[in-house]
Amino acid sequence: MISWRVRQALFLLMAAFVAWAEGPANPYWVWNCMPIAISYVLLKNARERNVMPLPEIAFFFVACGVVLFAHAALLDPILGAASDWPIPMLALLPILAVALGGVAFGLVFLFSKRRHQEKI
């Protein structure tokens, strides 16, 4: 099992990657780290409640995956995304990531509740 300190370091590394990809002088990197922060809060609350955090883990993988993939594509010179990305896309990226993560959270939550009810 991974300790909670290692998980905190993982969240900080993801935020540092987003800041590095956009440039630390760009204030939008804080906004683009919002799905990472929301994932951290969800997983922390699930840990405190001692519940199986399957929906929270689904949110983490989808929301953080969208943000990290988009910023990795931003750095990729082969795709040419660095010059073609419009600023509004980066501004809407956290909203898209949270929405897709919310859908994943809801689907896993419903599936895990139905599965739990069938076992009873």
Foldseek 3Di string as FASTA:
>chain_A
DDDVVVVVVVLVVLLVLLCVLVPVVDPLSVVLSVLSVVLVVLVVVCVVVVDDSPLSVLLNCQLSVQSSVVSVCCPDVVNVNVVVDDPVCSVCSNVVSNVVSVVSSVVVVVVVVVVVVVVD
